[in-house]
């Protein structure tokens, strides 16, 4: 399973693709703005819900509120 996480300023979305490249999981949730621990918790929860696999995370080069 390949899991991708898109971390944005307004939403965090995760998708999991099976070995054939078919979508096995997808979920989008609001980003906890200004809450680093909350953001990490949301990402961890999405990855756990997606299943076991390799994980890639995409985010803007500069994300206001984190760095």
Protein backbone atom coordinates (compact mmCIF):
# COMPACT_ATOMS: atom_id res chain seq x y z
CA UNK A 1 0.00 0.00 0.00
CA UNK A 2 1.25 3.48 -0.85
CA UNK A 3 -0.06 6.29 1.32
CA UNK A 4 0.14 9.97 0.42
CA UNK A 5 -0.62 12.88 2.72
CA UNK A 6 -1.24 16.42 1.44
CA UNK A 7 -0.69 18.91 4.27
CA UNK A 8 -2.18 22.30 3.55
CA UNK A 9 -3.15 25.40 5.45
CA UNK A 10 -6.88 24.62 5.32
CA UNK A 11 -7.04 20.84 4.88
CA UNK A 12 -5.09 17.63 5.29
CA UNK A 13 -5.92 14.83 2.88
CA UNK A 14 -4.69 11.25 2.79
CA UNK A 15 -5.03 8.68 0.05
CA UNK A 16 -3.93 5.05 -0.05
CA UNK A 17 -3.34 3.15 -3.27
CA UNK A 18 -3.22 -0.62 -3.44
CA UNK A 19 -0.62 -2.61 -5.38
CA UNK A 20 -2.64 -2.13 -8.59
CA UNK A 21 -2.76 1.64 -8.09
CA UNK A 22 -6.45 1.65 -7.19
CA UNK A 23 -7.73 3.98 -4.50
CA UNK A 24 -8.25 2.00 -1.29
CA UNK A 25 -8.73 4.92 1.11
CA UNK A 26 -9.24 8.67 0.94
CA UNK A 27 -10.14 11.17 3.64
CA UNK A 28 -9.93 14.96 3.96
CA UNK A 29 -10.10 16.85 7.26
CA UNK A 30 -9.56 20.50 8.27
CA UNK A 31 -6.05 21.50 9.34
CA UNK A 32 -5.87 22.46 13.03
CA UNK A 33 -4.50 25.95 12.38
CA UNK A 34 -1.74 27.10 14.71
CA UNK A 35 -1.73 23.76 16.54
CA UNK A 36 1.43 21.78 15.80
CA UNK A 37 0.57 18.86 18.11
CA UNK A 38 -2.96 18.74 16.70
CA UNK A 39 -1.61 18.71 13.14
CA UNK A 40 0.76 15.84 13.89
CA UNK A 41 -2.07 13.97 15.59
CA UNK A 42 -4.36 14.38 12.57
CA UNK A 43 -1.65 13.16 10.18
CA UNK A 44 -0.91 10.14 12.39
CA UNK A 45 -4.62 9.31 12.61
CA UNK A 46 -5.09 9.51 8.84
CA UNK A 47 -2.06 7.29 8.20
CA UNK A 48 -3.25 4.76 10.76
CA UNK A 49 -6.74 4.73 9.22
CA UNK A 50 -5.27 4.29 5.72
CA UNK A 51 -3.53 1.04 6.66
CA UNK A 52 -0.01 -0.29 6.61
CA UNK A 53 2.31 0.91 3.86
CA UNK A 54 4.90 3.43 2.83
CA UNK A 55 4.07 7.09 3.46
CA UNK A 56 4.89 10.27 1.58
CA UNK A 57 3.95 13.74 2.81
CA UNK A 58 3.63 16.82 0.59
CA UNK A 59 3.53 20.34 2.02
CA UNK A 60 4.32 23.87 0.88
CA UNK A 61 7.93 25.00 1.19
CA UNK A 62 6.83 27.57 3.77
CA UNK A 63 3.77 26.84 5.87
CA UNK A 64 2.56 29.67 8.10
CA UNK A 65 2.08 28.59 11.70
CA UNK A 66 4.55 25.70 11.64
CA UNK A 67 7.85 27.32 10.52
